[in-house]
Amino acid sequence: MTTSEHPPLEDLLLWRTGELTLAEAEAIESHLQQCSVCQDVVDDIRSIVDRVVKVDAEAELRRQYATSQRQWDRTAKVFKSRSFMGTTASALIGALLLVTFTQWTPEARAESLLNKAVETQTKESRPPRFLKIASGSLSCEVGFEADNAHPQLVSIGANSFCENVSRHLAAAGRPWDSLLSAASFQQWRHSLAKKKDSVHKSADTIEISTSTDQGPLHEAILRLQSSDYHSVGAHFEFAGAEPLSIDINEEYVPLNIASRPSVPSPQTPQGVIDPLDETEAQLRLALHRAHLDRNILLAVDRSGAEIRVWGVVPSDADKATVETEVQTLSPVRASIRTEAEQRQEEQPLPWTAYQGSGAPLAYDQLTALYPDDSPARQDFQNDLDTLTRTLTGEAKSRDAMLALRSRLAMTSYDQQLATASEDLAIAMRRDTLALSSRLAPLTGPIAHAGEPLTYQQAVQIYTLVHELAVAGGQYESIQLSQAVRQTRRLLSRR
């Protein structure tokens, strides 16, 4: 079976309910790994069953499906029962096919999802507070102050990349506060005479993509959280004499942005180094030399005119190293504990570990590989936990160094930060290969693309791996096959 030979809808339904033979199921799963069209069909089968059984309380239905499969099983049995055959079955199958051909077109799905996002975001009145705009190693930080649900621009990073982004946005008629707005995305999409839509779903996000050859903005992608349709990211591609491709992500709110007054502050003139950037670069390079920047439990935060390094390090020697480095840097404040001190008296940490409460999705596979509670199984799970934590720490530090480098371009720190970033990239490639190899018994072989992960991608992998092999419960409705596909996509970048 190839991607051009899609399995019948009935086979996908039977595969979903576990009614196919082992050989038939393996053929379907092999096809799904390569075919995004059928992946979307499988993801949408539940919503079609919802229509058939006339259940319109979507939130309640998601909760029911997350806690029990009984309703699905009963529906599947009705589809396959002999008493259901005949006129009633023909009418229902006809209705099912009608829904399929009308609701599964990319244009209809994009419109439906945008309508839900616009409605939800209008009710929520949840404006952006801080955005990070990036293109390769260049980045631009945008801060907002909320005023009666209407964001007011507080600051834009002062560099040539930010100015370039600003010019492209102005030419496309996109204000800074509209970059993650579903209403603005929909308005732009409706203005296009010719366009091409696509929708891609993962375990926790939905991506709506629209491309056109009209105007300066040739492609826009809006990324929504599946749970509440809140916009968390976007991607814009601008055409013209100076083409530009940017990624936009909603980030945490830095204290130095949130505490500013709601009037634009003077920007640092080009060519003048921000002293706080210089101090942060010195601190991060010192942590890198001490091999502590891969530790996800150690964080560097900026607040106003102060930098704080805080969290947990493995040993007394590591703690002494950080405190010694901080003594020579002003204004840096250290709040460091060792792992032993943290065990004696727990304190807040900069990283919240995954806390699952249910059996892992790959429980049967784990049981087949390792007897329950055997030391080998514990070692396997501990290895996955260590590798995913390390990858997350490496990605977070590398993203921070790349952002610093964009602000300290053409200074003495430029090459040092570039070298440290490449060191982390090399370590990430090695650890990603190790993770792919360790996961192979659950996911099959994964061909790594060679590109280092972003922090956001590393967090997604951390959560998915723990869902698969350590403890389930974070993703209420994800299936084993979906988790495997998503993990493979992230690790191979396909």
Protein backbone atom coordinates (compact mmCIF):
# COMPACT_ATOMS: atom_id res chain seq x y z
CA MET A 1 0.00 0.00 0.00
CA THR A 2 1.41 3.42 -0.97
CA THR A 3 0.43 6.99 -0.08
CA SER A 4 -1.45 7.13 -3.39
CA GLU A 5 -3.46 4.01 -2.47
CA HIS A 6 -5.48 5.15 0.53
CA PRO A 7 -7.24 2.45 2.55
CA PRO A 8 -11.05 2.54 2.49
CA LEU A 9 -12.79 4.50 5.21
CA GLU A 10 -14.25 1.24 6.58
CA ASP A 11 -10.75 -0.18 7.08
CA LEU A 12 -9.65 2.91 9.00
CA LEU A 13 -12.73 2.57 11.22
CA LEU A 14 -12.01 -1.13 11.83
CA TRP A 15 -8.33 -0.36 12.50
CA ARG A 16 -9.36 2.25 15.04
CA THR A 17 -11.54 -0.28 16.88
CA GLY A 18 -8.92 -3.06 16.70
CA GLU A 19 -10.99 -5.34 14.45
CA LEU A 20 -8.38 -5.97 11.73
CA THR A 21 -5.98 -8.87 11.57
CA LEU A 22 -2.39 -8.26 12.65
CA ALA A 23 -1.16 -8.14 9.03
CA GLU A 24 -3.96 -5.74 8.00
CA ALA A 25 -3.30 -3.51 11.01
CA GLU A 26 0.43 -3.37 10.28
CA ALA A 27 -0.28 -2.38 6.68
CA ILE A 28 -2.58 0.44 7.85
CA GLU A 29 -0.02 1.66 10.42
CA SER A 30 2.77 1.62 7.84
CA HIS A 31 0.61 3.66 5.48
CA LEU A 32 -0.32 6.15 8.21
CA GLN A 33 3.35 6.86 8.98
CA GLN A 34 3.75 8.19 5.43
CA CYS A 35 0.33 9.65 4.63
CA SER A 36 -0.77 12.89 6.30
CA VAL A 37 -4.15 12.72 4.52
CA CYS A 38 -5.13 9.47 6.23
CA GLN A 39 -3.67 10.69 9.51
CA ASP A 40 -6.16 13.55 9.39
CA VAL A 41 -8.97 11.12 8.49
CA VAL A 42 -8.18 8.96 11.54
CA ASP A 43 -7.99 12.05 13.76
CA ASP A 44 -11.41 13.17 12.52
CA ILE A 45 -13.23 9.82 12.73
CA ARG A 46 -14.29 10.56 16.27
CA SER A 47 -15.89 13.86 15.31
CA ILE A 48 -17.91 12.10 12.60
CA VAL A 49 -19.13 9.50 15.06
CA ASP A 50 -20.13 12.41 17.30
CA ARG A 51 -22.43 13.67 14.55
CA VAL A 52 -23.87 10.22 13.89
CA VAL A 53 -24.85 9.67 17.52
CA LYS A 54 -26.00 13.31 17.83
CA VAL A 55 -23.75 14.21 20.72
CA ASP A 56 -23.20 17.96 20.51
CA ALA A 57 -21.57 18.66 23.83
CA GLU A 58 -18.00 18.60 22.53
CA ALA A 59 -16.24 19.40 25.78
CA GLU A 60 -18.18 16.74 27.67
CA LEU A 61 -17.54 14.24 24.88
CA ARG A 62 -13.78 14.81 25.06
CA ARG A 63 -13.91 14.15 28.79
CA GLN A 64 -15.94 10.98 28.27
CA TYR A 65 -13.58 9.66 25.62
CA ALA A 66 -10.58 10.50 27.78
CA THR A 67 -11.92 8.38 30.65
CA SER A 68 -13.62 5.54 28.78
CA GLN A 69 -13.82 3.92 25.38
CA ARG A 70 -17.18 2.30 25.99
CA GLN A 71 -19.22 4.81 24.00
CA TRP A 72 -16.92 4.41 20.99
CA ASP A 73 -17.08 0.63 21.24
CA ARG A 74 -20.87 0.64 21.35
CA THR A 75 -21.02 2.89 18.27
CA ALA A 76 -18.60 0.64 16.39
CA LYS A 77 -20.68 -2.44 17.26
CA VAL A 78 -23.80 -0.74 15.90
CA PHE A 79 -22.00 -0.04 12.64
CA LYS A 80 -21.08 -3.71 12.28
CA SER A 81 -24.22 -5.43 13.62
CA ARG A 82 -26.43 -7.39 11.20
CA SER A 83 -29.58 -5.66 12.45
CA PHE A 84 -28.09 -2.38 11.31
CA MET A 85 -27.68 -3.49 7.69
CA GLY A 86 -30.16 -2.36 5.06
CA THR A 87 -31.92 0.94 4.58
CA THR A 88 -30.81 2.49 7.86
CA ALA A 89 -27.17 1.52 7.26
CA SER A 90 -27.26 2.84 3.70
CA ALA A 91 -28.70 6.16 4.82
CA LEU A 92 -26.18 6.53 7.60
CA ILE A 93 -23.22 5.59 5.44
CA GLY A 94 -24.45 8.10 2.86
CA ALA A 95 -24.63 10.79 5.53
CA LEU A 96 -21.18 9.80 6.74
CA LEU A 97 -19.72 10.12 3.27
CA LEU A 98 -21.46 13.46 2.78
CA VAL A 99 -19.92 14.76 5.98
CA THR A 100 -16.57 13.33 4.91
CA PHE A 101 -16.46 15.10 1.54
CA THR A 102 -17.77 18.41 2.89
CA GLN A 103 -15.97 18.61 6.23
CA TRP A 104 -12.62 17.10 5.27
CA THR A 105 -11.82 19.57 2.50
CA PRO A 106 -8.92 21.80 3.65
CA GLU A 107 -10.90 25.00 2.97
CA ALA A 108 -13.91 23.87 5.03
CA ARG A 109 -11.76 22.62 7.90
CA ALA A 110 -9.68 25.82 7.99
CA GLU A 111 -12.84 27.96 8.02
CA SER A 112 -14.49 25.89 10.75
CA LEU A 113 -11.42 25.93 12.98
CA LEU A 114 -10.90 29.66 12.52
CA ASN A 115 -14.53 30.34 13.42
CA LYS A 116 -14.05 28.42 16.67
CA ALA A 117 -10.77 30.20 17.39
CA VAL A 118 -12.27 33.64 16.74
CA GLU A 119 -15.26 32.89 18.97
CA THR A 120 -13.12 31.48 21.78
CA GLN A 121 -10.50 34.23 21.66
CA THR A 122 -13.18 36.93 21.62
CA LYS A 123 -14.79 35.50 24.75
CA GLU A 124 -11.43 35.01 26.47
CA SER A 125 -10.02 38.51 25.80
CA ARG A 126 -6.55 37.10 26.37
CA PRO A 127 -4.17 39.51 24.62
CA PRO A 128 -0.51 38.69 24.02
CA ARG A 129 1.96 39.88 26.65
CA PHE A 130 5.29 38.92 25.11
CA LEU A 131 6.21 37.66 21.65
CA LYS A 132 9.48 36.35 20.29
CA ILE A 133 9.98 36.74 16.54
CA ALA A 134 12.82 34.78 15.00
CA SER A 135 14.41 34.00 11.66
CA GLY A 136 17.33 31.62 11.93
CA SER A 137 19.69 32.97 14.61
CA LEU A 138 18.13 36.47 14.50
CA SER A 139 15.40 37.40 16.95
CA CYS A 140 13.21 40.31 17.96
CA GLU A 141 11.42 40.61 21.30
CA VAL A 142 8.08 42.41 21.52
CA GLY A 143 6.47 43.33 24.84
CA PHE A 144 2.90 44.49 25.48
CA GLU A 145 1.03 46.05 28.36
CA ALA A 146 -2.63 44.95 28.75
CA ASP A 147 -5.16 47.77 29.08
CA ASN A 148 -8.79 46.66 29.16
CA ALA A 149 -7.94 43.68 26.94
CA HIS A 150 -6.33 45.98 24.35
CA PRO A 151 -2.57 45.39 24.20
CA GLN A 152 -0.38 48.48 24.01
CA LEU A 153 3.10 48.11 22.58
CA VAL A 154 5.71 48.56 25.29
CA SER A 155 8.94 47.84 23.46
CA ILE A 156 10.52 46.32 20.41
CA GLY A 157 14.07 45.06 20.37
CA ALA A 158 16.42 47.68 18.97
CA ASN A 159 18.27 46.00 16.13
CA SER A 160 18.26 45.96 12.35
CA PHE A 161 16.35 42.65 12.24
CA CYS A 162 13.45 44.19 14.22
CA GLU A 163 13.42 47.15 11.85
CA ASN A 164 13.29 44.77 8.87
CA VAL A 165 10.39 42.84 10.42
CA SER A 166 8.58 46.11 11.13
CA ARG A 167 8.88 47.21 7.48
CA HIS A 168 7.46 43.92 6.17
CA LEU A 169 4.57 43.95 8.66
CA ALA A 170 3.70 47.53 7.74
CA ALA A 171 3.70 46.67 4.02
CA ALA A 172 1.30 43.77 4.74
CA GLY A 173 -0.91 45.90 6.97
CA ARG A 174 -0.29 43.75 10.06
CA PRO A 175 0.05 45.57 13.42
CA TRP A 176 2.26 44.01 16.08
CA ASP A 177 -0.71 43.09 18.27
CA SER A 178 -2.45 41.17 15.44
CA LEU A 179 0.27 38.60 14.80
CA LEU A 180 -1.44 35.85 16.83
CA SER A 181 -5.01 37.04 16.28
CA ALA A 182 -7.33 34.45 14.73
CA ALA A 183 -9.68 37.27 13.66
CA SER A 184 -6.89 39.08 11.77
CA PHE A 185 -5.78 35.81 10.17
CA GLN A 186 -9.34 35.09 9.06
CA GLN A 187 -9.84 38.64 7.74
CA TRP A 188 -6.64 38.37 5.64
CA ARG A 189 -7.68 34.93 4.40
CA HIS A 190 -11.16 36.16 3.36
CA SER A 191 -9.57 39.02 1.39
CA LEU A 192 -7.79 36.58 -0.95
CA ALA A 193 -9.35 35.73 -4.29
CA LYS A 194 -7.01 32.77 -4.73
CA LYS A 195 -5.64 30.76 -1.86
CA LYS A 196 -4.65 27.27 -0.78
CA ASP A 197 -5.43 25.99 2.71
CA SER A 198 -4.13 23.08 4.72
CA VAL A 199 -4.65 21.87 8.28
CA HIS A 200 -2.19 19.81 10.29
CA LYS A 201 -2.93 18.32 13.69
CA SER A 202 -0.58 17.04 16.36
CA ALA A 203 -1.28 15.77 19.85
CA ASP A 204 -1.64 19.23 21.37
CA THR A 205 -1.73 21.77 18.53
CA ILE A 206 -3.56 22.56 15.29
CA GLU A 207 -1.82 24.42 12.46
CA ILE A 208 -3.89 26.30 9.87
CA SER A 209 -1.89 27.28 6.79
CA THR A 210 -2.98 29.59 3.97
CA SER A 211 -0.79 30.43 0.97
CA THR A 212 -1.38 32.81 -1.95
CA ASP A 213 0.44 34.69 -4.69
CA GLN A 214 -1.40 37.93 -3.89
CA GLY A 215 0.17 40.77 -1.94
CA PRO A 216 3.37 40.92 0.10
CA LEU A 217 2.34 38.14 2.53
CA HIS A 218 2.51 34.87 0.59
CA GLU A 219 1.99 32.37 3.40
CA ALA A 220 0.71 32.53 6.96
CA ILE A 221 0.42 29.71 9.47
CA LEU A 222 -1.52 30.06 12.73
CA ARG A 223 -0.82 27.53 15.48
CA LEU A 224 -3.63 26.88 18.00
CA GLN A 225 -3.79 24.84 21.18
CA SER A 226 -6.13 21.91 20.58
CA SER A 227 -7.61 22.22 24.06
CA ASP A 228 -8.90 25.81 23.88
CA TYR A 229 -8.07 27.20 20.39
CA HIS A 230 -5.75 29.79 21.92
CA SER A 231 -3.10 31.07 19.47
CA VAL A 232 0.41 30.19 20.62
CA GLY A 233 2.45 30.72 17.46
CA ALA A 234 2.53 31.76 13.83
CA HIS A 235 4.73 31.71 10.74
CA PHE A 236 4.81 34.42 8.05
CA GLU A 237 6.54 34.33 4.68
CA PHE A 238 6.89 37.65 2.87
CA ALA A 239 7.76 37.98 -0.83
CA GLY A 240 9.24 40.91 -2.72
CA ALA A 241 12.64 42.44 -3.22
CA GLU A 242 13.66 41.45 0.32
CA PRO A 243 11.94 38.11 1.07
CA LEU A 244 11.61 37.29 4.75
CA SER A 245 10.45 34.23 6.69
CA ILE A 246 9.70 34.62 10.41
CA ASP A 247 8.39 32.49 13.27
CA ILE A 248 6.31 34.11 16.01
CA ASN A 249 5.83 32.49 19.41
CA GLU A 250 4.04 33.54 22.56
CA GLU A 251 6.59 33.37 25.37
CA TYR A 252 6.61 33.77 29.14
CA VAL A 253 6.38 37.37 30.43
CA PRO A 254 9.86 38.58 31.48
CA LEU A 255 9.70 40.70 34.60
CA ASN A 256 11.69 43.47 32.97
CA ILE A 257 8.95 43.76 30.29
CA ALA A 258 5.97 43.36 32.62
CA SER A 259 7.21 45.98 35.10
CA ARG A 260 7.79 48.70 32.53
CA PRO A 261 5.38 51.64 32.25
CA SER A 262 2.89 51.49 29.41
CA VAL A 263 4.80 54.03 27.33
CA PRO A 264 7.61 53.17 24.93
CA SER A 265 10.99 53.40 26.61
CA PRO A 266 14.00 54.84 24.73
CA GLN A 267 15.66 52.23 22.58
CA THR A 268 19.35 51.49 22.83
CA PRO A 269 21.08 53.19 19.89
CA GLN A 270 22.55 50.88 17.29
CA GLY A 271 26.21 50.11 17.96
CA VAL A 272 25.85 50.66 21.73
CA ILE A 273 25.97 47.53 23.91
CA ASP A 274 23.27 47.10 26.55
CA PRO A 275 25.31 46.51 29.77
CA LEU A 276 22.79 43.90 30.93
CA ASP A 277 23.21 41.94 27.67
CA GLU A 278 26.97 42.00 28.19
CA THR A 279 26.63 40.76 31.77
CA GLU A 280 24.22 37.99 30.75
CA ALA A 281 26.65 36.90 28.02
CA GLN A 282 29.50 36.69 30.56
CA LEU A 283 27.31 34.65 32.92
CA ARG A 284 26.03 32.24 30.28
CA LEU A 285 29.53 31.70 28.86
CA ALA A 286 30.81 30.97 32.38
CA LEU A 287 28.05 28.40 32.94
CA HIS A 288 28.86 26.87 29.57
CA ARG A 289 32.55 26.51 30.44
CA ALA A 290 31.50 24.76 33.67
CA HIS A 291 29.17 22.43 31.68
CA LEU A 292 26.20 23.60 33.75
CA ASP A 293 24.10 25.17 30.98
CA ARG A 294 22.70 21.75 29.99
CA ASN A 295 21.00 21.49 33.39
CA ILE A 296 17.29 22.27 32.98
CA LEU A 297 17.04 22.84 36.75
CA LEU A 298 19.35 25.89 36.53
CA ALA A 299 17.87 29.10 35.12
CA VAL A 300 19.03 32.61 34.22
CA ASP A 301 16.30 35.27 34.54
CA ARG A 302 16.37 39.03 34.03
CA SER A 303 14.29 41.39 36.17
CA GLY A 304 14.59 45.11 35.61
CA ALA A 305 18.30 45.95 35.92
CA GLU A 306 19.18 42.69 37.68
CA ILE A 307 20.05 39.15 36.56
CA ARG A 308 19.28 36.16 38.73
CA VAL A 309 20.80 32.69 38.36
CA TRP A 310 18.89 30.16 40.42
CA GLY A 311 17.94 26.51 40.75
CA VAL A 312 19.58 23.21 41.63
CA VAL A 313 23.04 21.86 40.72
CA PRO A 314 24.37 18.34 41.34
CA SER A 315 27.16 18.99 43.85
CA ASP A 316 28.79 21.40 46.30
CA ALA A 317 31.60 21.95 43.80
CA ASP A 318 29.11 23.04 41.12
CA LYS A 319 27.44 25.40 43.60
CA ALA A 320 30.81 26.92 44.51
CA THR A 321 31.66 27.38 40.80
CA VAL A 322 28.47 29.35 40.12
CA GLU A 323 28.84 31.50 43.24
CA THR A 324 32.48 32.27 42.41
CA GLU A 325 31.58 33.38 38.88
CA VAL A 326 28.73 35.56 40.17
CA GLN A 327 31.05 37.41 42.58
CA THR A 328 32.82 39.03 39.63
CA LEU A 329 29.61 40.01 37.84
CA SER A 330 27.33 42.87 38.77
CA PRO A 331 24.34 43.07 39.01
CA VAL A 332 23.95 39.27 39.20
CA ARG A 333 22.32 37.53 42.17
CA ALA A 334 22.73 33.80 42.82
CA SER A 335 20.28 31.52 44.58
CA ILE A 336 21.74 28.02 44.19
CA ARG A 337 21.02 24.78 46.02
CA THR A 338 22.54 21.35 45.67
CA GLU A 339 20.46 18.25 44.97
CA ALA A 340 21.07 17.09 48.56
CA GLU A 341 19.81 20.42 49.94
CA GLN A 342 16.75 20.26 47.71
CA ARG A 343 15.92 16.77 49.00
CA GLN A 344 16.16 17.97 52.61
CA GLU A 345 13.92 20.99 52.04
CA GLU A 346 12.05 21.36 48.78
CA GLN A 347 12.01 24.82 47.19
CA PRO A 348 10.48 26.11 43.93
CA LEU A 349 12.35 25.00 40.80
CA PRO A 350 12.70 26.68 37.39
CA TRP A 351 11.50 23.50 35.66
CA THR A 352 8.28 21.60 36.34
CA ALA A 353 8.85 17.92 35.60
CA TYR A 354 6.18 15.79 33.93
CA GLN A 355 3.76 14.35 36.47
CA GLY A 356 1.70 11.53 34.97
CA SER A 357 -0.79 9.47 36.94
CA GLY A 358 -1.81 6.72 34.50
CA ALA A 359 -0.16 3.80 32.78
CA PRO A 360 2.16 4.75 29.89
CA LEU A 361 0.67 4.47 26.42
CA ALA A 362 3.22 1.82 25.47
CA TYR A 363 2.55 -0.24 28.58
CA ASP A 364 2.01 -3.49 26.68
CA GLN A 365 5.17 -3.00 24.64
CA LEU A 366 7.16 -2.17 27.80
CA THR A 367 5.81 -5.26 29.54
CA ALA A 368 6.82 -7.40 26.59
CA LEU A 369 10.32 -5.89 26.57
CA TYR A 370 10.84 -5.90 30.33
CA PRO A 371 9.01 -7.75 33.14
CA ASP A 372 6.95 -5.46 35.38
CA ASP A 373 9.04 -3.41 37.82
CA SER A 374 12.25 -5.09 36.70
CA PRO A 375 15.53 -3.16 37.14
CA ALA A 376 16.04 -3.22 33.35
CA ARG A 377 12.72 -1.46 32.79
CA GLN A 378 13.53 1.15 35.44
CA ASP A 379 16.92 1.76 33.80
CA PHE A 380 15.21 2.16 30.42
CA GLN A 381 12.75 4.73 31.77
CA ASN A 382 15.48 6.57 33.70
CA ASP A 383 17.60 6.81 30.54
CA LEU A 384 14.70 8.33 28.62
CA ASP A 385 14.03 10.80 31.43
CA THR A 386 17.70 11.87 31.59
CA LEU A 387 18.05 12.24 27.82
CA THR A 388 14.87 14.29 27.41
CA ARG A 389 15.73 16.55 30.36
CA THR A 390 19.23 17.12 29.00
CA LEU A 391 17.91 17.90 25.51
CA THR A 392 15.45 20.39 27.00
CA GLY A 393 18.22 22.13 28.96
CA GLU A 394 20.53 22.25 25.94
CA ALA A 395 17.79 23.66 23.70
CA LYS A 396 16.82 26.33 26.22
CA SER A 397 20.42 27.50 26.68
CA ARG A 398 21.12 27.45 22.95
CA ASP A 399 18.00 29.50 22.14
CA ALA A 400 19.02 32.06 24.79
CA MET A 401 22.57 32.29 23.41
CA LEU A 402 21.34 32.77 19.84
CA ALA A 403 19.03 35.56 21.02
CA LEU A 404 21.91 37.20 22.89
CA ARG A 405 24.17 36.89 19.88
CA SER A 406 21.65 38.75 17.71
CA ARG A 407 21.75 41.64 20.21
CA LEU A 408 25.54 41.56 20.56
CA ALA A 409 26.40 41.18 16.87
CA MET A 410 29.74 42.66 15.79
CA THR A 411 31.02 42.74 19.38
CA SER A 412 33.69 40.69 21.16
CA TYR A 413 30.96 38.33 22.39
CA ASP A 414 29.66 37.47 18.91
CA GLN A 415 32.14 34.67 18.15
CA GLN A 416 32.19 33.35 21.74
CA LEU A 417 28.41 32.96 21.75
CA ALA A 418 28.52 31.40 18.27
CA THR A 419 31.09 28.83 19.44
CA ALA A 420 29.11 28.01 22.60
CA SER A 421 25.89 27.68 20.58
CA GLU A 422 27.59 25.27 18.18
CA ASP A 423 28.96 23.25 21.13
CA LEU A 424 25.38 22.86 22.39
CA ALA A 425 24.16 22.00 18.88
CA ILE A 426 26.75 19.21 18.63
CA ALA A 427 25.74 17.89 22.06
CA MET A 428 22.06 18.01 21.02
CA ARG A 429 22.72 16.04 17.85
CA ARG A 430 24.53 13.39 19.88
CA ASP A 431 21.82 13.23 22.54
CA THR A 432 19.03 13.20 19.93
CA LEU A 433 20.65 10.22 18.21
CA ALA A 434 21.00 8.49 21.58
CA LEU A 435 17.34 9.17 22.36
CA SER A 436 16.23 7.90 18.93
CA SER A 437 18.25 4.72 19.45
CA ARG A 438 16.88 4.18 22.95
CA LEU A 439 13.29 4.71 21.73
CA ALA A 440 13.66 2.32 18.77
CA PRO A 441 12.02 -0.64 20.57
CA LEU A 442 8.84 1.48 20.92
CA THR A 443 8.91 3.67 17.80
CA GLY A 444 11.04 1.78 15.29
CA PRO A 445 14.22 3.23 13.73
CA ILE A 446 14.23 7.03 13.36
CA ALA A 447 16.43 8.83 10.85
CA HIS A 448 17.58 12.05 12.54
CA ALA A 449 17.60 15.16 10.35
CA GLY A 450 20.74 16.64 11.92
CA GLU A 451 19.21 20.00 12.89
CA PRO A 452 19.20 20.86 16.61
CA LEU A 453 15.86 21.17 18.37
CA THR A 454 14.30 24.41 19.51
CA TYR A 455 13.31 24.69 23.17
CA GLN A 456 9.61 24.35 22.26
CA GLN A 457 10.30 21.18 20.24
CA ALA A 458 12.40 19.74 23.08
CA VAL A 459 9.55 20.30 25.56
CA GLN A 460 7.13 18.54 23.21
CA ILE A 461 9.49 15.56 22.89
CA TYR A 462 9.99 15.44 26.66
CA THR A 463 6.22 15.28 27.21
CA LEU A 464 5.56 12.76 24.44
CA VAL A 465 8.34 10.40 25.57
CA HIS A 466 7.08 10.45 29.14
CA GLU A 467 3.54 9.84 27.87
CA LEU A 468 4.77 6.84 25.89
CA ALA A 469 7.17 5.19 28.31
CA VAL A 470 6.95 6.63 31.83
CA ALA A 471 3.40 7.70 32.82
CA GLY A 472 0.31 8.63 30.84
CA GLY A 473 -2.20 11.35 31.56
CA GLN A 474 -0.84 14.62 30.15
CA TYR A 475 -2.61 14.20 26.79
CA GLU A 476 -6.12 13.06 27.62
CA SER A 477 -7.19 11.77 24.21
CA ILE A 478 -3.93 10.85 22.45
CA GLN A 479 -3.53 7.32 21.15
CA LEU A 480 -0.35 5.25 21.09
CA SER A 481 -0.03 5.47 17.30
CA GLN A 482 -0.47 9.26 17.41
CA ALA A 483 2.18 9.68 20.09
CA VAL A 484 4.62 7.50 18.13
CA ARG A 485 4.00 9.43 14.90
CA GLN A 486 4.42 12.80 16.60
CA THR A 487 7.64 11.71 18.32
CA ARG A 488 9.06 10.40 15.06
CA ARG A 489 8.15 13.63 13.26
CA LEU A 490 9.84 15.81 15.85
CA LEU A 491 13.01 13.74 15.98
CA SER A 492 13.29 13.38 12.20
CA ARG A 493 11.82 16.89 11.38
CA ARG A 494 9.39 15.46 8.80
